[in-house]
């Protein structure tokens, strides 16, 4: 009888653990990446990319690398975001990263007309 109870408890723990993993994977964070490009698709290093949360209006920033790329990790999948770029006081159009977008890796490139 003790073996049966022990096996039952072990099986129940295994099911709960597997369920917990499934929930954790479905709630995985998103990653947003892309490039900031100027005239002729030239990269714009040092452009600033802004990520604004619709939940509390907080803004995260990233300064583009030498090849114009940027990356935001650990983005909540349950919140909508506005994202835009700026280079030498010239702002790109704003784009929306929707909570309904189920992709875990989202790529958004920005094009800014510049005199680089």
Protein backbone atom coordinates (compact mmCIF):
# COMPACT_ATOMS: atom_id res chain seq x y z
CA UNK A 1 0.00 0.00 0.00
CA UNK A 2 2.85 2.42 0.85
CA UNK A 3 4.46 1.71 -2.52
CA UNK A 4 1.19 2.51 -4.30
CA UNK A 5 0.81 5.84 -2.44
CA UNK A 6 4.46 6.72 -3.09
CA UNK A 7 4.09 5.93 -6.79
CA UNK A 8 0.86 7.96 -6.98
CA UNK A 9 2.47 10.97 -5.34
CA UNK A 10 5.45 10.69 -7.66
CA UNK A 11 3.18 10.50 -10.72
CA UNK A 12 1.19 13.51 -9.51
CA UNK A 13 4.37 15.52 -9.02
CA UNK A 14 5.55 14.60 -12.52
CA UNK A 15 2.25 15.79 -14.03
CA UNK A 16 2.38 19.07 -12.07
CA UNK A 17 5.99 19.64 -13.13
CA UNK A 18 5.17 19.02 -16.81
CA UNK A 19 2.17 21.36 -16.60
CA UNK A 20 4.34 24.05 -15.02
CA UNK A 21 6.87 23.76 -17.85
CA UNK A 22 4.13 24.08 -20.46
CA UNK A 23 2.77 27.22 -18.82
CA UNK A 24 6.25 28.73 -18.51
CA UNK A 25 6.97 28.09 -22.19
CA UNK A 26 3.69 29.63 -23.31
CA UNK A 27 4.53 32.78 -21.30
CA UNK A 28 8.02 33.09 -22.78
CA UNK A 29 9.33 36.57 -23.38
CA UNK A 30 9.59 38.13 -26.83
CA UNK A 31 12.67 39.56 -28.50
CA UNK A 32 12.57 42.59 -30.80
CA UNK A 33 15.46 43.24 -33.15
CA UNK A 34 16.17 45.04 -36.39
CA UNK A 35 18.25 47.71 -38.08
CA UNK A 36 18.12 51.46 -38.45
CA UNK A 37 18.94 52.38 -42.03
CA UNK A 38 19.40 55.68 -43.82
CA UNK A 39 19.50 56.75 -47.44
CA UNK A 40 20.53 53.92 -49.73
CA UNK A 41 20.06 51.43 -46.90
CA UNK A 42 23.24 52.63 -45.20
CA UNK A 43 23.32 51.67 -41.51
CA UNK A 44 22.91 54.50 -39.02
CA UNK A 45 25.19 53.76 -36.06
CA UNK A 46 24.31 55.59 -32.85
CA UNK A 47 20.67 56.00 -33.86
CA UNK A 48 18.42 55.69 -30.82
CA UNK A 49 15.57 53.17 -30.85
CA UNK A 50 12.71 53.72 -28.39
CA UNK A 51 10.37 51.03 -27.04
CA UNK A 52 7.31 52.38 -25.18
CA UNK A 53 5.01 50.15 -23.14
CA UNK A 54 1.27 50.71 -23.48
CA UNK A 55 0.79 49.43 -19.94
CA UNK A 56 2.63 52.14 -18.03
CA UNK A 57 4.22 54.31 -20.78
CA UNK A 58 7.75 53.43 -19.67
CA UNK A 59 10.34 53.84 -22.40
CA UNK A 60 13.40 51.66 -22.96
CA UNK A 61 16.12 52.78 -25.36
CA UNK A 62 18.87 51.13 -27.34
CA UNK A 63 21.69 52.87 -29.20
CA UNK A 64 22.22 51.17 -32.55
CA UNK A 65 25.54 49.43 -33.12
CA UNK A 66 28.02 50.15 -35.92
CA UNK A 67 25.97 48.10 -38.38
CA UNK A 68 22.77 49.90 -37.36
CA UNK A 69 21.33 46.93 -35.48
CA UNK A 70 19.44 46.97 -32.20
CA UNK A 71 17.91 44.36 -29.90
CA UNK A 72 15.44 44.41 -27.02
CA UNK A 73 15.15 41.20 -25.02
CA UNK A 74 12.69 40.13 -22.34
CA UNK A 75 9.66 41.88 -23.80
CA UNK A 76 6.37 40.88 -22.22
CA UNK A 77 4.07 39.03 -24.66
CA UNK A 78 0.99 40.46 -22.89
CA UNK A 79 1.64 44.15 -23.58
CA UNK A 80 1.45 46.27 -26.75
CA UNK A 81 4.45 48.47 -27.50
CA UNK A 82 5.17 51.46 -29.72
CA UNK A 83 8.64 51.47 -31.23
CA UNK A 84 10.43 54.15 -33.25
CA UNK A 85 13.95 55.35 -34.07
CA UNK A 86 15.64 58.72 -34.12
CA UNK A 87 18.87 59.82 -35.77
CA UNK A 88 20.24 63.38 -35.50
CA UNK A 89 16.81 64.81 -34.56
CA UNK A 90 15.06 63.03 -37.45
CA UNK A 91 12.42 60.58 -36.26
CA UNK A 92 11.13 57.51 -38.09
CA UNK A 93 7.50 56.54 -38.17
CA UNK A 94 6.19 54.73 -35.12
CA UNK A 95 5.36 51.02 -35.38
CA UNK A 96 3.29 48.81 -33.10
CA UNK A 97 4.43 45.55 -31.56
CA UNK A 98 1.13 43.88 -30.74
CA UNK A 99 0.42 41.46 -27.92
CA UNK A 100 -1.57 39.46 -30.50
CA UNK A 101 1.65 38.83 -32.48
CA UNK A 102 2.62 35.34 -31.30
CA UNK A 103 6.16 35.37 -32.75
CA UNK A 104 8.88 35.07 -30.13
CA UNK A 105 11.40 36.88 -32.36
CA UNK A 106 10.09 40.00 -34.09
CA UNK A 107 12.18 41.95 -36.62
CA UNK A 108 11.38 45.59 -37.38
CA UNK A 109 13.68 47.73 -39.53
CA UNK A 110 13.48 51.51 -39.60
CA UNK A 111 14.32 53.78 -42.53
CA UNK A 112 15.27 57.38 -41.79
CA UNK A 113 16.13 59.89 -44.49
CA UNK A 114 19.47 61.31 -43.45
CA UNK A 115 22.43 63.16 -44.86
CA UNK A 116 24.93 60.62 -43.56
